[in-house]
Amino acid sequence: MSIELAEVARAFTTNATLAQSRLSYDDVLKFLDRCCEWRDDFATVQPAKRKTVTSPPPILPLVHARWLSNTLGIRRLLIHSLWDVFKHQVWQMLRVRERSHVMVSHIEGKGGWKIGLAYINLYPPSRLCKNLNCAKKSELRQLVPRRCVAFTIEDGVQFAKSITLTCDMCGWEYHPNYVVCPALRRYYLSVPDFIEVDMHHYVETRLANLWTNAMLYSAYVCYYLHNTLVLIYNLSRTSATEQVWTAFTVFALLRDAKDRKVPLRVPHKGEQRDRFKFSMKERNERIIRLGQHELRHYCDLCMRVWREDLADGGRRYRKCQVAVSDGITIGHYICKVFRCTDDLGSMADHFCAEHKDQAGICAVEGCKDAINRTLTTTHTCSDVEHQSMEEQTRARGKSMFALRSRLARAQTSRPEASLPENGPSDDVLSSQLIASLPDDSDEFYELDSNGNMVQHVDSNPTNVGVTDEQVQAANCPDKTTKRFKIHLSRRRSCCEETVVRPCGVIVGRGTLFGAEAVSNVLVLFCKETVQHTGAQKPEHWIYDTACDAKQQAMKDPWWDTVRMSVDVFHLLNKHKTTHAFCQLNCNPVLFPELHKEDGTGWWFNTSIAEQVNVWLGSYHAMVREMMSVRYNFFLDEMIRLRNIDVVERLRVKGHHPNYSSLNE
């Protein structure tokens, strides 16, 4: 049943309440849409003897009428008058979603697309030229329509129409997401409803946000969403991967630009996959320069304040803010020259541009001889022992056991997690993909008493802090004359080091390229992290090898006011009770500020860095094939979003999260 406009006009003029009202057309539409959504609620509160299948109830339920009045800003008497007029219309008309689906079917099935109509129309936000140096004042009418595809969160994949407006005086091109100045794309400051991922594909911003949140909470949920995109939207796996990553990247950059009130600028020409590289790198460097977004965070769980009674009868307040550090063995491909931090040119490169001449040098560490290719070796010199090392390494790489271990490590969420003894099934191992999986095992060779090269393999390496002397001994041929390493595959960075507050907020992250030397952890990630503007120097620092770190820190006066201790788990399980320096200087029992007031436990969560690294390690399979720029951009964005979530949960639980002053 449909009500005629003449009848509506008659009802509005004859009803004294409606006639004297100042209702707008929008008010009536909002009323109708809301009542259509809740008509089943209206029916279920009526007496059972009333037939509501075809006939509406005579009056609105009181709770709904009150809510409609409050949200629409309409007096309750008018709400009931509107119901009297439109109740039969409400009981029969389609809901908002149903009307949208009908319009889509009409456009697709009744020739709308053929005449240029689309369900989703993507226009620039303005029809005026915004070039301050352009004299054009009238609206832009030089337009270029383009057929495209839009991925939506509710309606799936839809045909869409993208419109580009061009100024005929200055030549600026206005696209739905950005304006093209000469050779430059300048994005609009507001985040659009649809994000352009390439010339003919757009992703709804809500869908891009869904993908981003899926990555944040579970790397494996994102994997299943990727497969859904492949199956439902009928895309190739390569296309689906690029659509997801481009949407994620642009969405993150646009939010960052909006927060800073600086428009995003990228080159207009070039490949889409390279277009945002400079912007991602600029943000990576800005985070290194200014620190993580929650660097100034403090709350009741990470900072303890207590009152201390003085001998002269006075009182003073003291505080203890704690930072916890730990490393996780995930990383990206780096130059094979030890401690070189330059970016690789492509994923296939083994050396950076500066060291590309090293590609013709023997792959054995410390050897400077040129490669001498044979029938069985391609990366070693003429030294028989070096050739033997390459042959053994390649033979091991082809073995079923090595492939089984390699696949299991690639699939694990946390690299240090224990691997199942039975491993994956043999039919999985038969896949050609397995042969291309990188080997992260720690492999080295030693000369036995007979002068033969003996292979040693640690297939599940873990990451712990080491002293500088240990780093030098591991990489100096003069000090380890009977131990050799060979690098046939690409080299990875050593680990990611995090600095975490006991509440779970990550305040620092950095990549260690060579080894987790405690001197690097002390200087690069702890000392430099808290020297950013507004950062708070911790009164206490917790680290799994704090005993080694403290011995080095004693040489630096900066650390005199910072106490150090080993976290409880590592002290009980990894440190010897006979280690006198550790037990006498780094045992957390020695520090009363770490204890609860009743002495039954610990005030701070000293294992928080390990717990955070379990989350960070879940991205191991996702980031392993990323270049360094995307790798750092992705991890920093995940950390930013996770910190937002953690701070909000702290606020809900009443732990009073706050920020230190920039002047401190």
Foldseek 3Di string as FASTA:
>chain_A
DDDDPVLVVVLCCVDPVNVPDPDDPVLLVVLLQVCLVCQVVQVVPDDPVDDPLQDGDLFGPPVVLVVSCVVSVHDSVVSRSSCNRCVNVSSPDDHPVVVLVVVQCCCVPVVVVVVPDFSAEQEAPAQADPPPPFPDDDGFDDKDKDWAWEAEDPPGITIYIWMWTADPTQGWIGTSAFIDDPQKTWGDLDDDQWDDLDDHYIYGLVVLVVLLVCVLPFVVSNVVVLVVCCPRVVDDSVVSVSSNVSSNVVSVLSVVCNVVVHIDMWGPDDDSVCTCLVVLLVVLVVCLQFFAPCQQKDWLQFKDKDKDADPVRDIDIDMFGEKEKDWAFFWEFAAPPAPDDDFDPDLQDQHHPVCSVCQQAAQKAPGGDGPDDDPQDGRHHPDPQSSVVRNVVVVLLPDLVQLQLLVQCLPDQGLLDDGDPVGDDVVVSVDPVSSPRDQPWDKKWFQDPVRHTDIDIDRRDDAAEDAPVVLCCVRPCVNVVGMMDGDPDTDTAGTKMWMAGLLQQTGWIDTHRHGNYLVCCVPSTQVSSQPRQQHDRGQEYEYQVVLNNVVVCVVPVVCVRYAYAYFPVSVVPPDDPPPVSRVVRHHVVVDVVQADPVRPGGSGRNCSNVVVSSSVSSCRNVCHSPTPSVSSSSVSVSSNVVNVVSVVVCVVVPRDMDGGDSVD
